[in-house]
C-alpha cells in the first residue's frame, strides 16, 4: 500500500508539474498502474469534496476488486 506522502508526490508531479506518467514511474519507483489509480481518484468528483481518508478507502476497495 502507498502512503499519503507518495500520493501527494504523484499528484504534484502530474497536475502541477505536468510530468508524463512514464517519468513519474521512473523517478518515484512506482508502477504505472499505481500512478494511474492515483490520477483516476483525483478525477472522481464527490459532492462536498473528498478527504484523503475517503480516497484511500476507495483505493483499497478498488485494489481488492482487482485482486479478486
C-alpha atoms as a PDB file:
ATOM      1  CA  UNK A   1       0.000   0.000   0.000  1.00  0.00           C
ATOM      2  CA  UNK A   2       1.205   3.505  -0.744  1.00  0.00           C
ATOM      3  CA  UNK A   3       1.387   6.335   1.746  1.00  0.00           C
ATOM      4  CA  UNK A   4      -0.252   9.713   1.746  1.00  0.00           C
ATOM      5  CA  UNK A   5       3.055  11.434   1.024  1.00  0.00           C
ATOM      6  CA  UNK A   6       3.586   9.355  -2.120  1.00  0.00           C
ATOM      7  CA  UNK A   7       0.051  10.150  -3.293  1.00  0.00           C
ATOM      8  CA  UNK A   8       0.861  13.838  -2.889  1.00  0.00           C
ATOM      9  CA  UNK A   9       4.097  13.498  -4.833  1.00  0.00           C
ATOM     10  CA  UNK A  10       2.306  11.744  -7.690  1.00  0.00           C
ATOM     11  CA  UNK A  11      -0.442  14.384  -7.799  1.00  0.00           C
ATOM     12  CA  UNK A  12       2.018  17.279  -7.766  1.00  0.00           C
ATOM     13  CA  UNK A  13       4.155  15.705 -10.464  1.00  0.00           C
ATOM     14  CA  UNK A  14       1.181  15.061 -12.743  1.00  0.00           C
ATOM     15  CA  UNK A  15      -1.144  18.007 -12.155  1.00  0.00           C
ATOM     16  CA  UNK A  16       1.179  20.844 -11.128  1.00  0.00           C
ATOM     17  CA  UNK A  17       4.452  19.973 -12.865  1.00  0.00           C
ATOM     18  CA  UNK A  18       2.738  18.378 -15.906  1.00  0.00           C
ATOM     19  CA  UNK A  19       5.164  15.455 -15.950  1.00  0.00           C
ATOM     20  CA  UNK A  20       4.210  12.387 -18.010  1.00  0.00           C
ATOM     21  CA  UNK A  21       3.275   9.130 -16.268  1.00  0.00           C
ATOM     22  CA  UNK A  22       6.370   7.415 -17.608  1.00  0.00           C
ATOM     23  CA  UNK A  23       8.649   9.958 -15.928  1.00  0.00           C
ATOM     24  CA  UNK A  24       6.744   9.767 -12.637  1.00  0.00           C
ATOM     25  CA  UNK A  25       7.102   5.981 -12.655  1.00  0.00           C
ATOM     26  CA  UNK A  26      10.860   6.218 -13.139  1.00  0.00           C
ATOM     27  CA  UNK A  27      11.539   8.945 -10.588  1.00  0.00           C
ATOM     28  CA  UNK A  28       9.264   7.663  -7.793  1.00  0.00           C
ATOM     29  CA  UNK A  29       9.810   3.926  -8.419  1.00  0.00           C
ATOM     30  CA  UNK A  30       6.125   3.028  -8.530  1.00  0.00           C
ATOM     31  CA  UNK A  31       4.157   1.061 -11.080  1.00  0.00           C
ATOM     32  CA  UNK A  32       2.223   2.688 -13.903  1.00  0.00           C
ATOM     33  CA  UNK A  33      -0.948   1.145 -12.513  1.00  0.00           C
ATOM     34  CA  UNK A  34      -0.387   2.908  -9.189  1.00  0.00           C
ATOM     35  CA  UNK A  35       0.131   6.277 -10.863  1.00  0.00           C
ATOM     36  CA  UNK A  36      -2.973   5.780 -12.990  1.00  0.00           C
ATOM     37  CA  UNK A  37      -5.071   4.877  -9.930  1.00  0.00           C
ATOM     38  CA  UNK A  38      -3.951   7.987  -8.049  1.00  0.00           C
ATOM     39  CA  UNK A  39      -4.720  10.175 -11.059  1.00  0.00           C
ATOM     40  CA  UNK A  40      -8.115   8.483 -11.559  1.00  0.00           C
ATOM     41  CA  UNK A  41      -9.029   9.095  -7.925  1.00  0.00           C
ATOM     42  CA  UNK A  42      -8.217  12.776  -8.321  1.00  0.00           C
ATOM     43  CA  UNK A  43     -10.643  12.989 -11.248  1.00  0.00           C
ATOM     44  CA  UNK A  44     -13.543  11.498  -9.278  1.00  0.00           C
ATOM     45  CA  UNK A  45     -15.884  14.239  -8.168  1.00  0.00           C
ATOM     46  CA  UNK A  46     -17.815  13.658  -4.983  1.00  0.00           C
ATOM     47  CA  UNK A  47     -20.282  16.374  -3.872  1.00  0.00           C
ATOM     48  CA  UNK A  48     -18.998  18.230  -0.837  1.00  0.00           C
ATOM     49  CA  UNK A  49     -15.385  17.431  -1.512  1.00  0.00           C
ATOM     50  CA  UNK A  50     -13.243  14.414  -0.782  1.00  0.00           C
ATOM     51  CA  UNK A  51     -10.891  13.866   2.115  1.00  0.00           C
ATOM     52  CA  UNK A  52      -7.740  11.815   1.692  1.00  0.00           C
ATOM     53  CA  UNK A  53      -9.181   9.157   4.023  1.00  0.00           C
ATOM     54  CA  UNK A  54     -12.142   8.649   1.723  1.00  0.00           C
ATOM     55  CA  UNK A  55      -9.833   8.408  -1.282  1.00  0.00           C
ATOM     56  CA  UNK A  56      -7.626   5.811   0.393  1.00  0.00           C
ATOM     57  CA  UNK A  57     -10.681   3.760   1.379  1.00  0.00           C
ATOM     58  CA  UNK A  58     -11.842   3.864  -2.240  1.00  0.00           C
ATOM     59  CA  UNK A  59      -8.363   2.847  -3.424  1.00  0.00           C
ATOM     60  CA  UNK A  60      -8.305  -0.135  -1.050  1.00  0.00           C
ATOM     61  CA  UNK A  61     -11.731  -1.227  -2.295  1.00  0.00           C
ATOM     62  CA  UNK A  62     -10.554  -0.754  -5.898  1.00  0.00           C
ATOM     63  CA  UNK A  63      -7.369  -2.787  -5.237  1.00  0.00           C
ATOM     64  CA  UNK A  64      -9.276  -5.635  -3.608  1.00  0.00           C
ATOM     65  CA  UNK A  65     -11.618  -5.768  -6.612  1.00  0.00           C
ATOM     66  CA  UNK A  66      -8.664  -6.159  -8.971  1.00  0.00           C
ATOM     67  CA  UNK A  67      -7.052  -8.877  -6.845  1.00  0.00           C
ATOM     68  CA  UNK A  68     -10.257 -10.952  -6.800  1.00  0.00           C
END
